[in-house]
Every structure is written in C-alpha cells, then in structure tokens.
Amino acid sequence: MNYFAHLALARPTPASKVGNLLGDFMRGVREDELPAPVRQGLRNHRLVDRLTDHHPPVRDSRRLFAAPRRRFAGVALDVLFDHFLVRHWARFHDRPLDAALDDDYRLLRAGEPLMPADMRAVVDRMVSQDWIRRYAELDTVGRALDRIAARVRFANRFQGCQVDIERHYRELEAVFLDLYPRLQRAVAEQALEASGPTEG
C-alpha cells in the first residue's frame, strides 16, 4: 500500500500518521529511539505491507504487467491502490473524503518534528501539491509511476505502467476491493496501536 492507504489505516493523531508512513523512510532511523506511539504506527505499517504482499490475488496480479515492467509491479500496485482508495473512499469510510484528507494533511504537518529529514521533504511536497486528491485521475498515477521509474538507479524499462493498468483496470480494481476491507479488519483485530479513537 502507498501513502494514502497507510494514512487511512492509522489513528487520528500526529504520531500515528507519522509512524504509519515512516516504514518507507527508515534509512538512518533508529527504531528503538522512536517515541512509543510512532513505533506502534510503524508496526501497523509493516502489518499492512505484509498482508498486502502475501495476499494471493495481489501476488497473482503482478503477471498482468508486461514482462519488462513486472519487477516494478509491486510499486505500481501500491500507487494504483491509492487511486482506487480515493475513487472508492465512501464504500469503506463514513467521513467525507475531503474532510479526511484535510485532517491527514493537518496531522502530518503537526507531526513534522517527529520525521526524519527526507520524510519531511516528501510530506511537504505531498501536502503542498495535494498529491492524494490528484491520484483520483489515472493519468496522475501514470505520471507518478514514470517519475518513480526514472529515479531507479539501474537501467530498466519500467516506464509505461499506465498501459498495463488501463488494459487490466477492472481486474486490478477487483483485487483492491477484495483486499482493503481485509486490511481494515486485520488492523482492527491486531490493534497494534494504543487504544483510542479511529477514523471512520
């Protein structure tokens, strides 16, 4: 899962939002030095990633990407699943999407002192450029994936994932719609973060 799903499966506190994104920014971070609520959020992030990576339909869906891009399929699916979450938000959450996103952005801003520098830079761009709302458009997803592919440090032919996504859009959408409620249930059942209110 990508940024928005991790935020949606976090608790409505700055420490939880930071911890649930921190899993993608651990270089140079000493986990044992993190505040307890951030560590709990980080464990929740890892639970979500583990369940996603081992979900058979997710693993099987990688075959839908052309051979030169298949190694990149996991990254593509993470970003695409944020697109599907934006598009299907009301199916899974009671709060309006705009209100939830505004709160996520506010809580991330409040949590900036808890972030390593590279995470703070990415979050600043995410919030100021409103990445998540823009993920509603598939062209935005395609451009984001091409930018990520261009930053890969070895020669590759990962660009052009949008072609594969458009060709298999409904099948990939069905994978997400099956997966996301499973993640919601697992997060609730595991309760890895300290007890408190959750977002609806």
N, C-alpha and C. Protein backbone atom coordinates (compact mmCIF):
# COMPACT_ATOMS: atom_id res chain seq x y z
N MET A 1 0.83 -1.19 0.00
CA MET A 1 0.00 0.00 0.00
C MET A 1 0.88 1.26 0.00
N ASN A 2 0.32 2.31 -0.55
CA ASN A 2 1.07 3.56 -0.64
C ASN A 2 0.61 4.53 0.45
N TYR A 3 0.96 5.79 0.33
CA TYR A 3 0.80 6.74 1.41
C TYR A 3 -0.63 6.85 1.91
N PHE A 4 -1.61 6.99 1.01
CA PHE A 4 -2.96 7.28 1.47
C PHE A 4 -3.54 6.11 2.24
N ALA A 5 -3.34 4.90 1.76
CA ALA A 5 -3.88 3.75 2.48
C ALA A 5 -3.28 3.66 3.88
N HIS A 6 -1.97 3.89 3.99
CA HIS A 6 -1.35 3.86 5.31
C HIS A 6 -1.92 4.95 6.22
N LEU A 7 -2.16 6.12 5.67
CA LEU A 7 -2.78 7.18 6.47
C LEU A 7 -4.20 6.81 6.89
N ALA A 8 -4.95 6.22 5.97
CA ALA A 8 -6.34 5.86 6.27
C ALA A 8 -6.44 4.78 7.33
N LEU A 9 -5.41 3.93 7.42
CA LEU A 9 -5.44 2.83 8.38
C LEU A 9 -4.72 3.19 9.68
N ALA A 10 -4.36 4.46 9.82
CA ALA A 10 -3.74 4.97 11.04
C ALA A 10 -4.80 5.55 11.97
N ARG A 11 -4.36 5.88 13.17
CA ARG A 11 -5.24 6.58 14.12
C ARG A 11 -5.12 8.09 13.89
N PRO A 12 -6.11 8.85 14.33
CA PRO A 12 -6.12 10.30 14.05
C PRO A 12 -5.26 11.11 15.01
N THR A 13 -3.96 10.81 15.04
CA THR A 13 -3.01 11.56 15.84
C THR A 13 -1.76 11.81 15.00
N PRO A 14 -1.03 12.87 15.29
CA PRO A 14 0.20 13.11 14.52
C PRO A 14 1.19 11.94 14.61
N ALA A 15 1.39 11.38 15.81
CA ALA A 15 2.36 10.30 15.97
C ALA A 15 1.96 9.07 15.17
N SER A 16 0.67 8.76 15.14
CA SER A 16 0.22 7.60 14.38
C SER A 16 0.38 7.83 12.89
N LYS A 17 0.00 8.99 12.41
CA LYS A 17 0.15 9.27 10.98
C LYS A 17 1.63 9.19 10.57
N VAL A 18 2.50 9.76 11.39
CA VAL A 18 3.92 9.71 11.08
C VAL A 18 4.41 8.26 11.10
N GLY A 19 4.08 7.51 12.14
CA GLY A 19 4.53 6.14 12.24
C GLY A 19 4.04 5.27 11.10
N ASN A 20 2.81 5.50 10.67
CA ASN A 20 2.24 4.69 9.60
C ASN A 20 2.81 5.01 8.23
N LEU A 21 3.48 6.15 8.09
CA LEU A 21 4.21 6.45 6.85
C LEU A 21 5.70 6.16 6.96
N LEU A 22 6.19 6.07 8.19
CA LEU A 22 7.64 6.02 8.42
C LEU A 22 8.29 4.78 7.81
N GLY A 23 7.53 3.72 7.62
CA GLY A 23 8.11 2.50 7.08
C GLY A 23 8.80 2.68 5.75
N ASP A 24 8.42 3.71 5.00
CA ASP A 24 9.06 3.99 3.71
C ASP A 24 10.25 4.94 3.83
N PHE A 25 10.61 5.31 5.06
CA PHE A 25 11.67 6.32 5.25
C PHE A 25 12.59 5.92 6.41
N MET A 26 12.96 4.65 6.48
CA MET A 26 13.69 4.17 7.66
C MET A 26 15.20 4.28 7.54
N ARG A 27 15.71 4.72 6.41
CA ARG A 27 17.17 4.81 6.27
C ARG A 27 17.74 5.78 7.31
N GLY A 28 18.66 5.28 8.13
CA GLY A 28 19.29 6.11 9.14
C GLY A 28 18.47 6.31 10.40
N VAL A 29 17.29 5.70 10.49
CA VAL A 29 16.42 5.86 11.65
C VAL A 29 16.68 4.72 12.64
N ARG A 30 16.86 5.06 13.91
CA ARG A 30 17.00 4.06 14.96
C ARG A 30 15.62 3.78 15.54
N GLU A 31 15.08 2.62 15.24
CA GLU A 31 13.71 2.32 15.66
C GLU A 31 13.56 2.38 17.18
N ASP A 32 14.58 1.93 17.90
CA ASP A 32 14.47 1.90 19.36
C ASP A 32 14.49 3.29 19.98
N GLU A 33 14.83 4.30 19.19
CA GLU A 33 14.84 5.68 19.69
C GLU A 33 13.56 6.43 19.38
N LEU A 34 12.64 5.81 18.67
CA LEU A 34 11.39 6.48 18.31
C LEU A 34 10.44 6.52 19.52
N PRO A 35 9.62 7.56 19.62
CA PRO A 35 8.59 7.57 20.67
C PRO A 35 7.65 6.37 20.49
N ALA A 36 7.14 5.86 21.59
CA ALA A 36 6.32 4.64 21.55
C ALA A 36 5.14 4.75 20.58
N PRO A 37 4.39 5.86 20.53
CA PRO A 37 3.27 5.90 19.59
C PRO A 37 3.71 5.85 18.13
N VAL A 38 4.89 6.39 17.82
CA VAL A 38 5.42 6.31 16.46
C VAL A 38 5.81 4.88 16.14
N ARG A 39 6.45 4.19 17.10
CA ARG A 39 6.81 2.78 16.90
C ARG A 39 5.57 1.92 16.66
N GLN A 40 4.51 2.20 17.38
CA GLN A 40 3.27 1.45 17.18
C GLN A 40 2.72 1.67 15.77
N GLY A 41 2.78 2.92 15.32
CA GLY A 41 2.33 3.20 13.96
C GLY A 41 3.19 2.50 12.93
N LEU A 42 4.49 2.45 13.18
CA LEU A 42 5.41 1.75 12.27
C LEU A 42 5.08 0.27 12.22
N ARG A 43 4.75 -0.33 13.35
CA ARG A 43 4.36 -1.75 13.35
C ARG A 43 3.07 -1.95 12.56
N ASN A 44 2.16 -1.00 12.66
CA ASN A 44 0.92 -1.09 11.88
C ASN A 44 1.22 -1.02 10.39
N HIS A 45 2.12 -0.12 10.00
CA HIS A 45 2.56 -0.01 8.60
C HIS A 45 3.08 -1.36 8.10
N ARG A 46 3.91 -1.99 8.91
CA ARG A 46 4.51 -3.26 8.49
C ARG A 46 3.47 -4.37 8.40
N LEU A 47 2.49 -4.35 9.28
CA LEU A 47 1.39 -5.32 9.20
C LEU A 47 0.66 -5.17 7.87
N VAL A 48 0.31 -3.94 7.52
CA VAL A 48 -0.42 -3.68 6.28
C VAL A 48 0.40 -4.11 5.07
N ASP A 49 1.69 -3.78 5.06
CA ASP A 49 2.54 -4.18 3.93
C ASP A 49 2.66 -5.70 3.84
N ARG A 50 2.83 -6.34 4.98
CA ARG A 50 2.98 -7.80 4.97
C ARG A 50 1.72 -8.49 4.44
N LEU A 51 0.57 -8.05 4.92
CA LEU A 51 -0.68 -8.66 4.47
C LEU A 51 -0.91 -8.40 2.98
N THR A 52 -0.58 -7.19 2.54
CA THR A 52 -0.74 -6.87 1.12
C THR A 52 0.17 -7.73 0.25
N ASP A 53 1.44 -7.81 0.63
CA ASP A 53 2.42 -8.54 -0.18
C ASP A 53 2.12 -10.03 -0.25
N HIS A 54 1.49 -10.58 0.78
CA HIS A 54 1.23 -12.02 0.82
C HIS A 54 -0.19 -12.39 0.41
N HIS A 55 -0.99 -11.40 0.03
CA HIS A 55 -2.36 -11.68 -0.39
C HIS A 55 -2.31 -12.31 -1.79
N PRO A 56 -2.78 -13.54 -1.96
CA PRO A 56 -2.60 -14.22 -3.25
C PRO A 56 -3.08 -13.43 -4.47
N PRO A 57 -4.26 -12.78 -4.43
CA PRO A 57 -4.65 -12.01 -5.62
C PRO A 57 -3.69 -10.87 -5.95
N VAL A 58 -3.08 -10.27 -4.94
CA VAL A 58 -2.08 -9.23 -5.19
C VAL A 58 -0.86 -9.83 -5.88
N ARG A 59 -0.38 -10.94 -5.34
CA ARG A 59 0.78 -11.60 -5.98
C ARG A 59 0.45 -12.01 -7.42
N ASP A 60 -0.74 -12.56 -7.62
CA ASP A 60 -1.11 -13.01 -8.96
C ASP A 60 -1.26 -11.85 -9.94
N SER A 61 -1.67 -10.68 -9.44
CA SER A 61 -1.92 -9.55 -10.34
C SER A 61 -0.64 -9.00 -10.95
N ARG A 62 0.51 -9.35 -10.41
CA ARG A 62 1.77 -8.87 -10.99
C ARG A 62 1.97 -9.42 -12.40
N ARG A 63 1.36 -10.55 -12.68
CA ARG A 63 1.51 -11.14 -14.02
C ARG A 63 0.79 -10.30 -15.08
N LEU A 64 -0.06 -9.37 -14.66
CA LEU A 64 -0.79 -8.53 -15.61
C LEU A 64 0.09 -7.44 -16.21
N PHE A 65 1.27 -7.25 -15.65
CA PHE A 65 2.18 -6.23 -16.16
C PHE A 65 3.12 -6.86 -17.18
N ALA A 66 3.42 -6.11 -18.21
CA ALA A 66 4.32 -6.60 -19.26
C ALA A 66 5.65 -7.02 -18.64
N ALA A 67 6.28 -8.02 -19.24
CA ALA A 67 7.49 -8.62 -18.66
C ALA A 67 8.56 -7.59 -18.29
N PRO A 68 8.85 -6.58 -19.12
CA PRO A 68 9.90 -5.62 -18.75
C PRO A 68 9.55 -4.80 -17.50
N ARG A 69 8.23 -4.73 -17.17
CA ARG A 69 7.81 -3.90 -16.04
C ARG A 69 7.41 -4.74 -14.82
N ARG A 70 7.47 -6.05 -14.95
CA ARG A 70 6.93 -6.89 -13.87
C ARG A 70 7.68 -6.70 -12.56
N ARG A 71 8.98 -6.47 -12.65
CA ARG A 71 9.76 -6.25 -11.43
C ARG A 71 9.32 -4.99 -10.69
N PHE A 72 8.71 -4.08 -11.41
CA PHE A 72 8.23 -2.80 -10.88
C PHE A 72 6.77 -2.90 -10.44
N ALA A 73 6.13 -4.05 -10.65
CA ALA A 73 4.69 -4.17 -10.44
C ALA A 73 4.28 -3.88 -9.01
N GLY A 74 5.10 -4.28 -8.04
CA GLY A 74 4.74 -4.02 -6.64
C GLY A 74 4.61 -2.53 -6.36
N VAL A 75 5.54 -1.75 -6.88
CA VAL A 75 5.47 -0.29 -6.71
C VAL A 75 4.24 0.26 -7.43
N ALA A 76 4.01 -0.22 -8.65
CA ALA A 76 2.86 0.26 -9.41
C ALA A 76 1.56 -0.04 -8.69
N LEU A 77 1.45 -1.23 -8.12
CA LEU A 77 0.22 -1.59 -7.41
C LEU A 77 0.03 -0.73 -6.18
N ASP A 78 1.10 -0.43 -5.46
CA ASP A 78 0.98 0.43 -4.28
C ASP A 78 0.34 1.77 -4.64
N VAL A 79 0.85 2.40 -5.68
CA VAL A 79 0.33 3.71 -6.07
C VAL A 79 -1.08 3.57 -6.64
N LEU A 80 -1.31 2.55 -7.45
CA LEU A 80 -2.63 2.34 -8.02
C LEU A 80 -3.67 2.10 -6.93
N PHE A 81 -3.30 1.39 -5.88
CA PHE A 81 -4.27 1.14 -4.81
C PHE A 81 -4.68 2.44 -4.11
N ASP A 82 -3.79 3.43 -4.06
CA ASP A 82 -4.21 4.74 -3.54
C ASP A 82 -5.24 5.37 -4.47
N HIS A 83 -5.07 5.21 -5.76
CA HIS A 83 -6.07 5.69 -6.73
C HIS A 83 -7.42 5.05 -6.45
N PHE A 84 -7.43 3.74 -6.28
CA PHE A 84 -8.69 3.05 -6.02
C PHE A 84 -9.29 3.48 -4.69
N LEU A 85 -8.46 3.72 -3.68
CA LEU A 85 -8.99 4.16 -2.39
C LEU A 85 -9.65 5.53 -2.51
N VAL A 86 -9.03 6.43 -3.25
CA VAL A 86 -9.66 7.74 -3.48
C VAL A 86 -11.00 7.56 -4.20
N ARG A 87 -11.01 6.73 -5.23
CA ARG A 87 -12.22 6.55 -6.03
C ARG A 87 -13.33 5.85 -5.25
N HIS A 88 -13.00 4.96 -4.34
CA HIS A 88 -13.99 4.16 -3.63
C HIS A 88 -14.06 4.49 -2.14
N TRP A 89 -13.56 5.64 -1.77
CA TRP A 89 -13.47 6.01 -0.36
C TRP A 89 -14.79 5.80 0.39
N ALA A 90 -15.90 6.28 -0.17
CA ALA A 90 -17.18 6.24 0.53
C ALA A 90 -17.68 4.82 0.78
N ARG A 91 -17.15 3.86 0.07
CA ARG A 91 -17.54 2.47 0.29
C ARG A 91 -16.98 1.95 1.61
N PHE A 92 -15.84 2.51 2.05
CA PHE A 92 -15.14 1.96 3.20
C PHE A 92 -15.09 2.87 4.42
N HIS A 93 -15.36 4.16 4.22
CA HIS A 93 -15.23 5.12 5.32
C HIS A 93 -16.45 6.02 5.36
N ASP A 94 -16.87 6.37 6.57
CA ASP A 94 -18.05 7.22 6.75
C ASP A 94 -17.75 8.70 6.54
N ARG A 95 -16.56 9.14 6.94
CA ARG A 95 -16.23 10.55 6.82
C ARG A 95 -16.04 10.93 5.36
N PRO A 96 -16.46 12.12 4.95
CA PRO A 96 -16.22 12.56 3.58
C PRO A 96 -14.73 12.59 3.26
N LEU A 97 -14.40 12.27 2.04
CA LEU A 97 -13.00 12.20 1.62
C LEU A 97 -12.27 13.51 1.88
N ASP A 98 -12.85 14.63 1.50
CA ASP A 98 -12.15 15.91 1.64
C ASP A 98 -11.85 16.21 3.11
N ALA A 99 -12.79 15.92 4.00
CA ALA A 99 -12.56 16.17 5.42
C ALA A 99 -11.45 15.26 5.95
N ALA A 100 -11.47 14.00 5.54
CA ALA A 100 -10.44 13.06 5.99
C ALA A 100 -9.06 13.48 5.50
N LEU A 101 -8.97 13.89 4.23
CA LEU A 101 -7.69 14.31 3.68
C LEU A 101 -7.18 15.59 4.34
N ASP A 102 -8.08 16.53 4.56
CA ASP A 102 -7.67 17.77 5.23
C ASP A 102 -7.11 17.47 6.61
N ASP A 103 -7.75 16.55 7.33
CA ASP A 103 -7.24 16.17 8.65
C ASP A 103 -5.90 15.44 8.55
N ASP A 104 -5.77 14.54 7.57
CA ASP A 104 -4.49 13.85 7.39
C ASP A 104 -3.36 14.85 7.16
N TYR A 105 -3.59 15.80 6.28
CA TYR A 105 -2.57 16.80 5.99
C TYR A 105 -2.24 17.63 7.23
N ARG A 106 -3.27 18.02 7.98
CA ARG A 106 -3.05 18.82 9.19
C ARG A 106 -2.24 18.03 10.22
N LEU A 107 -2.59 16.76 10.41
CA LEU A 107 -1.89 15.94 11.39
C LEU A 107 -0.45 15.66 10.96
N LEU A 108 -0.23 15.48 9.65
CA LEU A 108 1.14 15.31 9.18
C LEU A 108 1.97 16.56 9.42
N ARG A 109 1.40 17.72 9.15
CA ARG A 109 2.12 18.97 9.42
C ARG A 109 2.48 19.05 10.90
N ALA A 110 1.53 18.70 11.76
CA ALA A 110 1.79 18.76 13.20
C ALA A 110 2.86 17.75 13.61
N GLY A 111 2.98 16.66 12.86
CA GLY A 111 3.95 15.63 13.20
C GLY A 111 5.32 15.81 12.57
N GLU A 112 5.54 16.90 11.84
CA GLU A 112 6.82 17.07 11.15
C GLU A 112 8.03 16.97 12.07
N PRO A 113 7.97 17.47 13.32
CA PRO A 113 9.15 17.34 14.20
C PRO A 113 9.54 15.88 14.49
N LEU A 114 8.63 14.95 14.27
CA LEU A 114 8.90 13.53 14.51
C LEU A 114 9.51 12.84 13.30
N MET A 115 9.59 13.53 12.17
CA MET A 115 10.01 12.90 10.92
C MET A 115 11.50 13.07 10.64
N PRO A 116 12.14 12.05 10.05
CA PRO A 116 13.49 12.28 9.51
C PRO A 116 13.42 13.28 8.35
N ALA A 117 14.54 13.87 8.02
CA ALA A 117 14.55 14.98 7.06
C ALA A 117 14.01 14.57 5.70
N ASP A 118 14.37 13.38 5.20
CA ASP A 118 13.91 13.00 3.86
C ASP A 118 12.40 12.79 3.84
N MET A 119 11.85 12.25 4.92
CA MET A 119 10.40 12.09 5.00
C MET A 119 9.71 13.45 5.06
N ARG A 120 10.27 14.36 5.84
CA ARG A 120 9.67 15.69 5.96
C ARG A 120 9.62 16.38 4.61
N ALA A 121 10.65 16.21 3.79
CA ALA A 121 10.68 16.83 2.46
C ALA A 121 9.59 16.25 1.56
N VAL A 122 9.42 14.92 1.60
CA VAL A 122 8.40 14.28 0.78
C VAL A 122 7.01 14.68 1.26
N VAL A 123 6.80 14.67 2.56
CA VAL A 123 5.48 15.03 3.10
C VAL A 123 5.15 16.48 2.77
N ASP A 124 6.15 17.35 2.82
CA ASP A 124 5.90 18.75 2.47
C ASP A 124 5.38 18.86 1.03
N ARG A 125 6.00 18.11 0.11
CA ARG A 125 5.52 18.14 -1.28
C ARG A 125 4.15 17.48 -1.40
N MET A 126 3.95 16.39 -0.70
CA MET A 126 2.66 15.70 -0.75
C MET A 126 1.52 16.63 -0.34
N VAL A 127 1.73 17.37 0.74
CA VAL A 127 0.68 18.24 1.26
C VAL A 127 0.53 19.48 0.39
N SER A 128 1.65 20.14 0.08
CA SER A 128 1.56 21.40 -0.65
C SER A 128 1.04 21.20 -2.08
N GLN A 129 1.34 20.05 -2.68
CA GLN A 129 0.89 19.76 -4.04
C GLN A 129 -0.37 18.89 -4.07
N ASP A 130 -0.87 18.52 -2.90
CA ASP A 130 -2.11 17.75 -2.77
C ASP A 130 -2.08 16.49 -3.63
N TRP A 131 -1.03 15.70 -3.46
CA TRP A 131 -0.86 14.50 -4.28
C TRP A 131 -2.06 13.58 -4.23
N ILE A 132 -2.61 13.38 -3.04
CA ILE A 132 -3.58 12.30 -2.88
C ILE A 132 -4.87 12.58 -3.63
N ARG A 133 -5.39 13.80 -3.54
CA ARG A 133 -6.60 14.10 -4.32
C ARG A 133 -6.34 13.93 -5.81
N ARG A 134 -5.14 14.25 -6.24
CA ARG A 134 -4.81 14.15 -7.66
C ARG A 134 -4.72 12.71 -8.13
N TYR A 135 -4.53 11.77 -7.19
CA TYR A 135 -4.50 10.36 -7.56
C TYR A 135 -5.84 9.86 -8.07
N ALA A 136 -6.89 10.64 -7.93
CA ALA A 136 -8.18 10.22 -8.49
C ALA A 136 -8.10 10.07 -10.00
N GLU A 137 -7.18 10.78 -10.64
CA GLU A 137 -7.04 10.73 -12.09
C GLU A 137 -5.95 9.72 -12.46
N LEU A 138 -6.29 8.79 -13.32
CA LEU A 138 -5.34 7.74 -13.69
C LEU A 138 -4.10 8.30 -14.37
N ASP A 139 -4.25 9.38 -15.12
CA ASP A 139 -3.07 9.99 -15.76
C ASP A 139 -2.06 10.47 -14.72
N THR A 140 -2.57 10.96 -13.57
CA THR A 140 -1.67 11.38 -12.50
C THR A 140 -0.90 10.18 -11.96
N VAL A 141 -1.58 9.06 -11.81
CA VAL A 141 -0.93 7.84 -11.35
C VAL A 141 0.16 7.42 -12.34
N GLY A 142 -0.16 7.44 -13.62
CA GLY A 142 0.81 7.07 -14.64
C GLY A 142 2.04 7.96 -14.62
N ARG A 143 1.83 9.27 -14.48
CA ARG A 143 2.97 10.19 -14.43
C ARG A 143 3.80 9.96 -13.17
N ALA A 144 3.14 9.72 -12.05
CA ALA A 144 3.86 9.47 -10.80
C ALA A 144 4.72 8.22 -10.92
N LEU A 145 4.19 7.18 -11.53
CA LEU A 145 4.95 5.94 -11.69
C LEU A 145 6.13 6.14 -12.64
N ASP A 146 5.94 6.90 -13.69
CA ASP A 146 7.06 7.16 -14.60
C ASP A 146 8.17 7.95 -13.90
N ARG A 147 7.78 8.88 -13.01
CA ARG A 147 8.80 9.64 -12.26
C ARG A 147 9.56 8.71 -11.31
N ILE A 148 8.83 7.81 -10.65
CA ILE A 148 9.49 6.86 -9.75
C ILE A 148 10.44 5.96 -10.55
N ALA A 149 9.96 5.47 -11.69
CA ALA A 149 10.81 4.59 -12.52
C ALA A 149 12.07 5.31 -12.97
N ALA A 150 11.95 6.60 -13.27
CA ALA A 150 13.12 7.36 -13.74
C ALA A 150 14.17 7.51 -12.64
N ARG A 151 13.76 7.38 -11.38
CA ARG A 151 14.71 7.53 -10.27
C ARG A 151 15.38 6.21 -9.90
N VAL A 152 14.93 5.10 -10.48
CA VAL A 152 15.57 3.82 -10.19
C VAL A 152 17.02 3.88 -10.65
N ARG A 153 17.92 3.36 -9.85
CA ARG A 153 19.35 3.58 -10.08
C ARG A 153 19.98 2.61 -11.04
N PHE A 154 19.22 1.71 -11.60
CA PHE A 154 19.79 0.79 -12.58
C PHE A 154 18.98 0.90 -13.87
N ALA A 155 19.59 0.51 -14.97
CA ALA A 155 18.91 0.58 -16.27
C ALA A 155 17.66 -0.31 -16.23
N ASN A 156 16.55 0.22 -16.73
CA ASN A 156 15.30 -0.53 -16.67
C ASN A 156 14.37 -0.04 -17.77
N ARG A 157 13.30 -0.80 -17.95
CA ARG A 157 12.23 -0.41 -18.89
C ARG A 157 10.90 -0.39 -18.14
N PHE A 158 10.91 0.24 -16.96
CA PHE A 158 9.73 0.26 -16.10
C PHE A 158 8.69 1.28 -16.55
N GLN A 159 9.09 2.30 -17.29
CA GLN A 159 8.13 3.35 -17.65
C GLN A 159 7.04 2.78 -18.54
N GLY A 160 5.86 3.39 -18.44
CA GLY A 160 4.73 2.97 -19.25
C GLY A 160 3.75 2.04 -18.55
N CYS A 161 3.82 1.97 -17.22
CA CYS A 161 2.92 1.08 -16.47
C CYS A 161 1.45 1.42 -16.70
N GLN A 162 1.16 2.66 -17.04
CA GLN A 162 -0.23 3.03 -17.24
C GLN A 162 -0.88 2.20 -18.34
N VAL A 163 -0.12 1.79 -19.33
CA VAL A 163 -0.66 0.94 -20.40
C VAL A 163 -1.18 -0.37 -19.82
N ASP A 164 -0.38 -1.00 -18.96
CA ASP A 164 -0.80 -2.25 -18.33
C ASP A 164 -2.00 -2.03 -17.43
N ILE A 165 -1.99 -0.94 -16.68
CA ILE A 165 -3.10 -0.64 -15.77
C ILE A 165 -4.39 -0.44 -16.54
N GLU A 166 -4.35 0.33 -17.60
CA GLU A 166 -5.57 0.57 -18.38
C GLU A 166 -6.10 -0.72 -19.00
N ARG A 167 -5.20 -1.58 -19.44
CA ARG A 167 -5.60 -2.82 -20.08
C ARG A 167 -6.30 -3.75 -19.09
N HIS A 168 -5.89 -3.70 -17.81
CA HIS A 168 -6.42 -4.64 -16.81
C HIS A 168 -7.08 -3.90 -15.65
N TYR A 169 -7.63 -2.73 -15.93
CA TYR A 169 -8.11 -1.85 -14.86
C TYR A 169 -9.15 -2.55 -13.98
N ARG A 170 -10.16 -3.16 -14.56
CA ARG A 170 -11.24 -3.75 -13.77
C ARG A 170 -10.74 -4.91 -12.92
N GLU A 171 -9.84 -5.70 -13.47
CA GLU A 171 -9.29 -6.82 -12.71
C GLU A 171 -8.47 -6.32 -11.52
N LEU A 172 -7.67 -5.30 -11.74
CA LEU A 172 -6.88 -4.73 -10.66
C LEU A 172 -7.76 -4.05 -9.62
N GLU A 173 -8.80 -3.40 -10.08
CA GLU A 173 -9.75 -2.77 -9.17
C GLU A 173 -10.40 -3.82 -8.27
N ALA A 174 -10.75 -4.96 -8.83
CA ALA A 174 -11.37 -6.03 -8.05
C ALA A 174 -10.41 -6.55 -6.98
N VAL A 175 -9.12 -6.61 -7.30
CA VAL A 175 -8.12 -7.04 -6.31
C VAL A 175 -8.13 -6.08 -5.13
N PHE A 176 -8.12 -4.78 -5.42
CA PHE A 176 -8.14 -3.79 -4.34
C PHE A 176 -9.42 -3.90 -3.51
N LEU A 177 -10.56 -4.01 -4.17
CA LEU A 177 -11.83 -4.03 -3.44
C LEU A 177 -11.95 -5.26 -2.55
N ASP A 178 -11.26 -6.33 -2.90
CA ASP A 178 -11.20 -7.50 -2.04
C ASP A 178 -10.21 -7.30 -0.90
N LEU A 179 -9.08 -6.67 -1.19
CA LEU A 179 -8.01 -6.53 -0.21
C LEU A 179 -8.31 -5.53 0.88
N TYR A 180 -8.80 -4.35 0.53
CA TYR A 180 -8.84 -3.26 1.50
C TYR A 180 -9.69 -3.57 2.74
N PRO A 181 -10.89 -4.12 2.59
CA PRO A 181 -11.63 -4.46 3.81
C PRO A 181 -10.94 -5.52 4.66
N ARG A 182 -10.16 -6.39 4.04
CA ARG A 182 -9.37 -7.35 4.82
C ARG A 182 -8.33 -6.62 5.66
N LEU A 183 -7.71 -5.60 5.08
CA LEU A 183 -6.74 -4.82 5.83
C LEU A 183 -7.41 -4.08 6.98
N GLN A 184 -8.57 -3.50 6.72
CA GLN A 184 -9.29 -2.81 7.80
C GLN A 184 -9.58 -3.76 8.96
N ARG A 185 -10.05 -4.95 8.64
CA ARG A 185 -10.36 -5.92 9.70
C ARG A 185 -9.10 -6.34 10.45
N ALA A 186 -8.03 -6.59 9.71
CA ALA A 186 -6.79 -7.03 10.35
C ALA A 186 -6.23 -5.96 11.28
N VAL A 187 -6.26 -4.71 10.84
CA VAL A 187 -5.76 -3.61 11.67
C VAL A 187 -6.60 -3.51 12.95
N ALA A 188 -7.92 -3.63 12.81
CA ALA A 188 -8.79 -3.57 13.98
C ALA A 188 -8.55 -4.74 14.93
N GLU A 189 -8.38 -5.92 14.37
CA GLU A 189 -8.21 -7.12 15.20
C GLU A 189 -6.84 -7.16 15.88
N GLN A 190 -5.80 -6.77 15.15
CA GLN A 190 -4.45 -6.79 15.72
C GLN A 190 -4.25 -5.69 16.74
N ALA A 191 -4.88 -4.54 16.51
CA ALA A 191 -4.84 -3.41 17.45
C ALA A 191 -3.41 -3.13 17.93
N LEU A 192 -2.51 -2.95 16.98
CA LEU A 192 -1.10 -2.74 17.32
C LEU A 192 -0.82 -1.35 17.88
N GLU A 193 -1.73 -0.42 17.66
CA GLU A 193 -1.54 0.93 18.19
C GLU A 193 -2.33 1.08 19.48
N ALA A 194 -1.88 2.00 20.32
CA ALA A 194 -2.53 2.21 21.61
C ALA A 194 -4.01 2.50 21.43
N SER A 195 -4.81 2.05 22.36
CA SER A 195 -6.26 2.22 22.23
C SER A 195 -6.60 3.70 22.16
N GLY A 196 -7.62 3.98 21.39
CA GLY A 196 -8.06 5.36 21.20
C GLY A 196 -8.99 5.40 20.02
N PRO A 197 -9.50 6.59 19.66
CA PRO A 197 -10.47 6.70 18.56
C PRO A 197 -9.81 6.37 17.24
N THR A 198 -10.57 5.76 16.35
CA THR A 198 -10.12 5.52 15.00
C THR A 198 -10.97 6.33 14.04
N GLU A 199 -10.47 6.52 12.85
CA GLU A 199 -11.23 7.25 11.84
C GLU A 199 -12.24 6.33 11.21
N GLY A 200 -13.39 6.91 10.88
CA GLY A 200 -14.43 6.11 10.25
C GLY A 200 -14.36 6.15 8.76
